[in-house]
Amino acid sequence: MKKKTWVSLVLATVLLTAVGCGQKPSTGNTETPGASGSAKTEQKTYKVAISQIVEHPSLDATRQGFLAALKDAGITEGSNLKLDYNNAQGDQTNNLSIAQKLASADNDLVYAIATPSAQAVVQQVKKAPVLFAAVTDPVAAKIVTNMDKPGGNISGASDTNPEAITKLMDFVASNFPKVKTVGLVINEGESNAVVMGKKAEEALSKHGIKLIKAPVTNTSEVKQAAQSLVGRVDALYITLDNTVVSGVDTILQIAKDKHIPFFSSDRDTVEKGAFATFGFKYYDHGYQVGQMAVDILKNGKKPADMKVTVPDKLDLILNLKAAKDQGIEVTEAMKAVVIDKEKNIIQ
């Protein structure tokens, strides 16, 4: 009997051990799908929509700078960023349709590039936070009512410091004594272009220089408008006019062929072949707004509390090759105005 009892005890022990091995030990860190605790939380995906009125170097750089700021903050397309990029191709009907589409979409943030895009978006998008860039005068364009306290769901950055226009016109007057008339190709349907054109006209008039306008309604008219100024003006100038900048290659060619000094309001056009501007890099401008977007997306900041910014570091930018093409003699006095000669004197 003792032997049988001992065998039974051994068998019972083996069975208990086998059962124990088939179970996971119970701990306070058990991971259950969907449960909290040590279970991995899913990474948030941000939905950002972009409305851009047209593609040209300045606006494209503004978009690229914005996305770079997001990427530097860990928000990257293909990982945790779902991007909806919309280009109106310079068409106001498309522009409105894009804004209406974004109004009904579920976005974490909407980014409007250029005045027409921002105007349409601010009228339509009421729920999602909205940021804008490449807007000349946000108050005059009725995008915000106050630069310091924009209120509502919108803020952003203006791409114009009024001093830039005044400085450029003063530079023309001081260094080009033979210039008595300046030609401006302009789409007066763009409020930003009108504001800047008026500012330039006021600045030039103080020097006794007359501004002559050649109006256009679309990009296809830019070449003809520029040609109409040949023989009537001593220099050419364009504002941050999306319609005109989109067709600026034709103006550059005319300035080169006819040896007419050509001034612009943006660095990108100077890099392409205009002679001079007082400005900044649009990539940096977009990056600045991207940093604002990160504050909204990651830190819960409200656009209403974010001051609308303006460029604060203006410098004269010269293109020496363009000067040669346009028959301009670049003097030491001109170069002396440039603060950062390494970056802003383009060879």
Protein backbone atom coordinates (compact mmCIF):
# COMPACT_ATOMS: atom_id res chain seq x y z
CA MET A 1 0.00 0.00 0.00
CA LYS A 2 2.83 2.40 0.79
CA LYS A 3 4.33 1.88 -2.62
CA LYS A 4 1.04 2.59 -4.38
CA THR A 5 0.53 5.75 -2.29
CA TRP A 6 4.02 7.01 -3.17
CA VAL A 7 3.41 6.44 -6.93
CA SER A 8 0.09 8.31 -6.75
CA LEU A 9 1.76 11.28 -5.12
CA VAL A 10 4.44 11.41 -7.81
CA LEU A 11 1.86 11.29 -10.62
CA ALA A 12 -0.18 14.06 -9.01
CA THR A 13 2.92 16.28 -8.77
CA VAL A 14 3.75 15.74 -12.44
CA LEU A 15 0.21 16.61 -13.51
CA LEU A 16 0.23 19.83 -11.46
CA THR A 17 3.59 20.85 -12.93
CA ALA A 18 2.33 20.26 -16.49
CA VAL A 19 -0.75 22.36 -15.88
CA GLY A 20 1.38 25.14 -14.43
CA CYS A 21 3.68 25.19 -17.47
CA GLY A 22 0.71 25.67 -19.79
CA GLN A 23 -0.25 28.96 -18.14
CA LYS A 24 1.43 32.37 -18.33
CA PRO A 25 2.42 33.76 -15.00
CA SER A 26 0.09 36.48 -13.78
CA THR A 27 1.75 39.90 -13.28
CA GLY A 28 0.58 43.46 -12.89
CA ASN A 29 1.96 44.29 -16.40
CA THR A 30 -0.19 41.94 -18.47
CA GLU A 31 -0.66 43.47 -21.95
CA THR A 32 -4.13 43.27 -23.38
CA PRO A 33 -4.93 44.67 -26.86
CA GLY A 34 -6.66 47.99 -26.46
CA ALA A 35 -5.97 48.14 -22.74
CA SER A 36 -4.05 50.85 -20.96
CA GLY A 37 -0.95 50.29 -18.90
CA SER A 38 2.16 49.05 -20.66
CA ALA A 39 0.29 48.41 -23.92
CA LYS A 40 1.69 50.54 -26.74
CA THR A 41 -0.43 53.61 -27.56
CA GLU A 42 -1.00 54.33 -31.23
CA GLN A 43 0.90 57.32 -32.66
CA LYS A 44 -1.37 60.26 -33.50
CA THR A 45 -1.76 61.01 -37.19
CA TYR A 46 -2.19 64.70 -38.02
CA LYS A 47 -4.43 65.78 -40.90
CA VAL A 48 -3.20 68.96 -42.55
CA ALA A 49 -4.67 70.54 -45.69
CA ILE A 50 -2.94 73.14 -47.87
CA SER A 51 -4.64 75.58 -50.24
CA GLN A 52 -2.22 77.34 -52.62
CA ILE A 53 -3.44 79.78 -55.25
CA VAL A 54 -0.81 78.96 -57.88
CA GLU A 55 2.63 77.39 -58.24
CA HIS A 56 5.62 79.68 -58.55
CA PRO A 57 9.01 79.70 -56.76
CA SER A 58 8.07 81.97 -53.83
CA LEU A 59 4.84 80.16 -52.95
CA ASP A 60 6.41 76.74 -53.49
CA ALA A 61 9.26 77.69 -51.14
CA THR A 62 6.69 78.88 -48.59
CA ARG A 63 5.05 75.44 -48.69
CA GLN A 64 8.37 73.60 -48.50
CA GLY A 65 9.52 75.63 -45.50
CA PHE A 66 6.25 74.92 -43.69
CA LEU A 67 6.55 71.17 -44.23
CA ALA A 68 10.20 71.24 -43.16
CA ALA A 69 9.22 72.81 -39.83
CA LEU A 70 6.66 70.06 -39.29
CA LYS A 71 9.23 67.40 -40.16
CA ASP A 72 11.78 68.87 -37.76
CA ALA A 73 9.13 68.58 -35.04
CA GLY A 74 8.52 64.91 -35.86
CA ILE A 75 5.45 65.36 -38.05
CA THR A 76 6.28 63.65 -41.34
CA GLU A 77 4.23 62.71 -44.38
CA GLY A 78 4.13 58.94 -44.79
CA SER A 79 4.51 58.45 -41.05
CA ASN A 80 2.17 60.53 -38.91
CA LEU A 81 1.10 63.26 -41.33
CA LYS A 82 -1.80 62.94 -43.75
CA LEU A 83 -1.38 65.82 -46.20
CA ASP A 84 -4.05 67.17 -48.53
CA TYR A 85 -2.35 69.58 -50.97
CA ASN A 86 -4.60 71.67 -53.24
CA ASN A 87 -3.46 74.03 -56.01
CA ALA A 88 -6.03 76.39 -57.55
CA GLN A 89 -3.82 77.00 -60.62
CA GLY A 90 -4.56 80.71 -60.43
CA ASP A 91 -8.29 80.17 -60.98
CA GLN A 92 -10.67 81.86 -58.53
CA THR A 93 -13.42 79.30 -59.16
CA ASN A 94 -11.02 76.52 -58.24
CA ASN A 95 -9.88 78.56 -55.26
CA LEU A 96 -13.42 78.80 -53.87
CA SER A 97 -14.13 75.12 -54.54
CA ILE A 98 -11.01 74.12 -52.62
CA ALA A 99 -12.04 76.26 -49.64
CA GLN A 100 -15.53 74.76 -49.66
CA LYS A 101 -14.08 71.25 -49.76
CA LEU A 102 -11.80 71.99 -46.82
CA ALA A 103 -14.70 73.43 -44.83
CA SER A 104 -16.44 70.06 -44.84
CA ALA A 105 -13.29 68.00 -44.23
CA ASP A 106 -12.04 66.77 -40.86
CA ASN A 107 -8.62 68.48 -40.68
CA ASP A 108 -6.47 69.27 -37.68
CA LEU A 109 -5.18 72.38 -39.45
CA VAL A 110 -5.58 74.25 -42.75
CA TYR A 111 -2.68 76.20 -44.29
CA ALA A 112 -3.52 78.89 -46.87
CA ILE A 113 -0.73 80.20 -49.10
CA ALA A 114 -1.22 83.67 -50.69
CA THR A 115 -3.91 86.29 -50.21
CA PRO A 116 -6.64 84.84 -52.50
CA SER A 117 -6.34 81.41 -50.87
CA ALA A 118 -6.44 82.88 -47.37
CA GLN A 119 -9.47 85.03 -48.21
CA ALA A 120 -11.42 82.03 -49.49
CA VAL A 121 -10.40 79.75 -46.63
CA VAL A 122 -11.23 82.25 -43.90
CA GLN A 123 -14.72 82.66 -45.36
CA GLN A 124 -15.40 78.93 -45.53
CA VAL A 125 -13.39 77.08 -42.86
CA LYS A 126 -14.84 77.76 -39.41
CA LYS A 127 -13.95 74.67 -37.36
CA ALA A 128 -10.31 73.81 -38.00
CA PRO A 129 -7.41 76.10 -37.02
CA VAL A 130 -6.21 78.12 -40.04
CA LEU A 131 -2.75 79.58 -40.68
CA PHE A 132 -1.78 81.74 -43.66
CA ALA A 133 1.45 82.83 -45.31
CA ALA A 134 2.51 84.95 -48.30
CA VAL A 135 -0.22 87.50 -47.52
CA THR A 136 0.69 91.15 -48.08
CA ASP A 137 -1.82 92.96 -45.84
CA PRO A 138 -4.02 90.60 -43.78
CA VAL A 139 -6.09 93.47 -42.37
CA ALA A 140 -6.78 95.21 -45.70
CA ALA A 141 -7.62 91.80 -47.23
CA LYS A 142 -10.11 91.24 -44.36
CA ILE A 143 -8.43 88.02 -43.30
CA VAL A 144 -7.91 89.28 -39.74
CA THR A 145 -9.08 92.44 -38.00
CA ASN A 146 -6.05 92.83 -35.76
CA MET A 147 -2.44 91.76 -36.31
CA ASP A 148 -1.63 91.43 -32.60
CA LYS A 149 -4.86 89.69 -31.56
CA PRO A 150 -6.33 88.05 -34.67
CA GLY A 151 -9.11 86.23 -32.77
CA GLY A 152 -11.27 83.49 -34.27
CA ASN A 153 -9.57 80.44 -35.71
CA ILE A 154 -6.94 82.13 -37.89
CA SER A 155 -3.45 83.59 -37.68
CA GLY A 156 -0.24 83.44 -39.71
CA ALA A 157 2.48 85.58 -41.23
CA SER A 158 2.47 88.52 -43.60
CA ASP A 159 5.22 88.44 -46.21
CA THR A 160 5.50 92.20 -46.41
CA ASN A 161 7.11 94.75 -44.19
CA PRO A 162 5.95 98.07 -45.70
CA GLU A 163 9.47 99.36 -45.17
CA ALA A 164 10.73 96.92 -47.82
CA ILE A 165 8.87 98.74 -50.60
CA THR A 166 9.95 102.17 -49.37
CA LYS A 167 13.58 101.05 -49.07
CA LEU A 168 13.56 99.60 -52.61
CA MET A 169 12.06 102.75 -54.15
CA ASP A 170 14.57 104.91 -52.22
CA PHE A 171 17.36 102.68 -53.56
CA VAL A 172 16.12 103.19 -57.14
CA ALA A 173 15.94 106.96 -56.69
CA SER A 174 19.39 107.19 -55.08
CA ASN A 175 21.29 104.94 -57.48
CA PHE A 176 19.48 105.42 -60.80
CA PRO A 177 19.29 109.19 -61.39
CA LYS A 178 18.15 108.69 -64.99
CA VAL A 179 15.05 106.77 -63.91
CA LYS A 180 12.08 109.14 -64.10
CA THR A 181 9.38 106.55 -64.79
CA VAL A 182 8.85 103.02 -63.44
CA GLY A 183 6.55 100.52 -65.14
CA LEU A 184 4.40 98.17 -63.05
CA VAL A 185 2.68 95.10 -64.53
CA ILE A 186 -0.21 94.47 -62.14
CA ASN A 187 -3.36 92.42 -61.66
CA GLU A 188 -5.60 94.89 -59.84
CA GLY A 189 -7.93 92.04 -58.99
CA GLU A 190 -5.40 90.99 -56.33
CA SER A 191 -5.78 93.21 -53.27
CA ASN A 192 -2.20 92.47 -52.19
CA ALA A 193 -0.87 93.82 -55.50
CA VAL A 194 -3.01 96.96 -55.22
CA VAL A 195 -1.77 97.70 -51.68
CA MET A 196 1.86 97.28 -52.69
CA GLY A 197 1.45 99.22 -55.92
CA LYS A 198 0.00 102.15 -54.01
CA LYS A 199 2.85 102.05 -51.49
CA ALA A 200 5.43 102.04 -54.31
CA GLU A 201 3.69 104.90 -56.08
CA GLU A 202 3.71 107.00 -52.90
CA ALA A 203 7.40 106.27 -52.25
CA LEU A 204 8.42 107.08 -55.83
CA SER A 205 6.40 110.31 -55.97
CA LYS A 206 8.49 111.71 -53.11
CA HIS A 207 11.46 111.50 -55.48
CA GLY A 208 9.59 112.93 -58.45
CA ILE A 209 9.40 109.53 -60.18
CA LYS A 210 6.16 108.49 -61.90
CA LEU A 211 4.68 104.99 -61.72
CA ILE A 212 3.01 103.77 -64.93
CA LYS A 213 0.74 100.72 -64.64
CA ALA A 214 0.12 98.02 -67.23
CA PRO A 215 -2.90 96.01 -66.03
CA VAL A 216 -3.48 92.29 -66.59
CA THR A 217 -6.22 89.87 -65.57
CA ASN A 218 -4.35 86.59 -66.07
CA THR A 219 -0.84 85.27 -66.58
CA SER A 220 -1.17 84.97 -70.37
CA GLU A 221 -1.41 88.78 -70.59
CA VAL A 222 1.83 89.50 -68.72
CA LYS A 223 4.11 89.46 -71.77
CA GLN A 224 1.97 91.87 -73.77
CA ALA A 225 1.60 94.20 -70.78
CA ALA A 226 5.35 94.29 -70.24
CA GLN A 227 5.97 94.93 -73.93
CA SER A 228 3.53 97.87 -73.79
CA LEU A 229 5.82 99.55 -71.26
CA VAL A 230 8.93 99.39 -73.45
CA GLY A 231 9.87 102.91 -74.58
CA ARG A 232 7.55 104.45 -71.99
CA VAL A 233 9.45 103.67 -68.79
CA ASP A 234 13.03 103.72 -67.54
CA ALA A 235 12.71 100.72 -65.21
CA LEU A 236 10.35 97.84 -64.44
CA TYR A 237 8.95 96.70 -61.09
CA ILE A 238 6.57 93.99 -59.88
CA THR A 239 4.89 93.43 -56.53
CA LEU A 240 4.06 90.13 -54.80
CA ASP A 241 1.40 89.71 -57.48
CA ASN A 242 0.71 85.98 -57.97
CA THR A 243 -0.66 86.45 -61.50
CA VAL A 244 2.38 88.44 -62.61
CA VAL A 245 5.02 86.41 -60.77
CA SER A 246 3.66 83.28 -62.46
CA GLY A 247 4.52 84.85 -65.82
CA VAL A 248 7.66 86.68 -64.77
CA ASP A 249 9.93 84.83 -67.23
CA THR A 250 8.53 86.97 -70.05
CA ILE A 251 9.34 90.17 -68.16
CA LEU A 252 12.85 88.92 -67.43
CA GLN A 253 13.42 88.30 -71.13
CA ILE A 254 12.17 91.76 -72.10
CA ALA A 255 14.35 93.41 -69.43
CA LYS A 256 17.36 91.54 -70.81
CA ASP A 257 16.60 92.19 -74.49
CA LYS A 258 15.88 95.90 -73.99
CA HIS A 259 18.42 96.56 -71.20
CA ILE A 260 15.80 97.81 -68.75
CA PRO A 261 16.56 97.64 -65.00
CA PHE A 262 14.05 95.27 -63.40
CA PHE A 263 13.20 95.35 -59.68
CA SER A 264 10.96 92.92 -57.81
CA SER A 265 9.42 92.48 -54.36
CA ASP A 266 10.65 88.94 -53.76
CA ARG A 267 14.02 87.26 -53.50
CA ASP A 268 13.06 84.32 -55.73
CA THR A 269 12.48 86.60 -58.72
CA VAL A 270 15.85 88.24 -58.11
CA GLU A 271 17.46 84.80 -58.07
CA LYS A 272 15.76 84.10 -61.41
CA GLY A 273 17.05 87.30 -63.01
CA ALA A 274 15.57 90.53 -61.63
CA PHE A 275 18.25 92.95 -60.41
CA ALA A 276 17.31 93.89 -56.86
CA THR A 277 14.87 93.74 -53.95
CA PHE A 278 14.72 94.26 -50.22
CA GLY A 279 13.58 90.93 -48.89
CA PHE A 280 14.09 87.52 -47.35
CA LYS A 281 13.82 83.83 -48.20
CA TYR A 282 10.27 82.52 -48.60
CA TYR A 283 11.45 79.15 -47.32
CA ASP A 284 12.22 80.82 -43.98
CA HIS A 285 8.86 82.59 -44.10
CA GLY A 286 7.06 79.26 -44.51
CA TYR A 287 9.22 77.62 -41.84
CA GLN A 288 8.13 80.30 -39.37
CA VAL A 289 4.47 79.49 -40.00
CA GLY A 290 5.29 75.78 -39.74
CA GLN A 291 6.59 76.41 -36.23
CA MET A 292 3.26 78.07 -35.41
CA ALA A 293 1.51 74.97 -36.74
CA VAL A 294 3.56 72.73 -34.45
CA ASP A 295 2.49 74.86 -31.49
CA ILE A 296 -1.14 74.33 -32.48
CA LEU A 297 -0.92 70.63 -33.30
CA LYS A 298 1.31 69.49 -30.46
CA ASN A 299 0.81 72.07 -27.73
CA GLY A 300 -2.84 72.97 -28.23
CA LYS A 301 -2.18 76.64 -28.84
CA LYS A 302 -5.05 78.70 -30.34
CA PRO A 303 -4.57 80.81 -33.49
CA ALA A 304 -6.64 83.56 -31.85
CA ASP A 305 -3.82 84.08 -29.34
CA MET A 306 -0.97 84.01 -31.88
CA LYS A 307 0.28 87.33 -33.19
CA VAL A 308 0.47 87.74 -36.97
CA THR A 309 4.15 88.20 -37.79
CA VAL A 310 5.95 90.26 -40.44
CA PRO A 311 9.51 89.91 -41.81
CA ASP A 312 11.86 91.71 -39.44
CA LYS A 313 15.21 91.08 -41.14
CA LEU A 314 15.29 93.02 -44.41
CA ASP A 315 18.36 93.21 -46.58
CA LEU A 316 19.14 94.42 -50.07
CA ILE A 317 19.59 91.52 -52.48
CA LEU A 318 21.48 92.09 -55.73
CA ASN A 319 21.93 89.84 -58.76
CA LEU A 320 25.18 90.80 -60.51
CA LYS A 321 24.56 88.64 -63.57
CA ALA A 322 21.15 90.26 -64.02
CA ALA A 323 22.84 93.65 -63.76
CA LYS A 324 25.08 92.77 -66.69
CA ASP A 325 22.13 91.48 -68.73
CA GLN A 326 20.15 94.66 -68.08
CA GLY A 327 23.00 97.09 -68.73
CA ILE A 328 23.37 98.15 -65.09
CA GLU A 329 26.71 99.30 -63.70
CA VAL A 330 26.87 98.00 -60.14
CA THR A 331 28.66 100.58 -58.00
CA GLU A 332 30.42 100.17 -54.66
CA ALA A 333 27.74 102.42 -53.18
CA MET A 334 25.09 99.86 -54.19
CA LYS A 335 27.04 96.97 -52.70
CA ALA A 336 27.61 98.93 -49.50
CA VAL A 337 23.89 98.86 -48.78
CA VAL A 338 23.90 95.04 -48.60
CA ILE A 339 24.34 93.86 -45.00
CA ASP A 340 25.04 90.16 -45.63
CA LYS A 341 27.18 90.36 -48.74
CA GLU A 342 27.99 86.65 -48.77
CA LYS A 343 24.35 85.58 -48.99
CA ASN A 344 22.70 88.54 -50.67
CA ILE A 345 25.04 89.48 -53.48
CA ILE A 346 24.24 86.86 -56.09
CA GLN A 347 27.08 86.36 -58.57
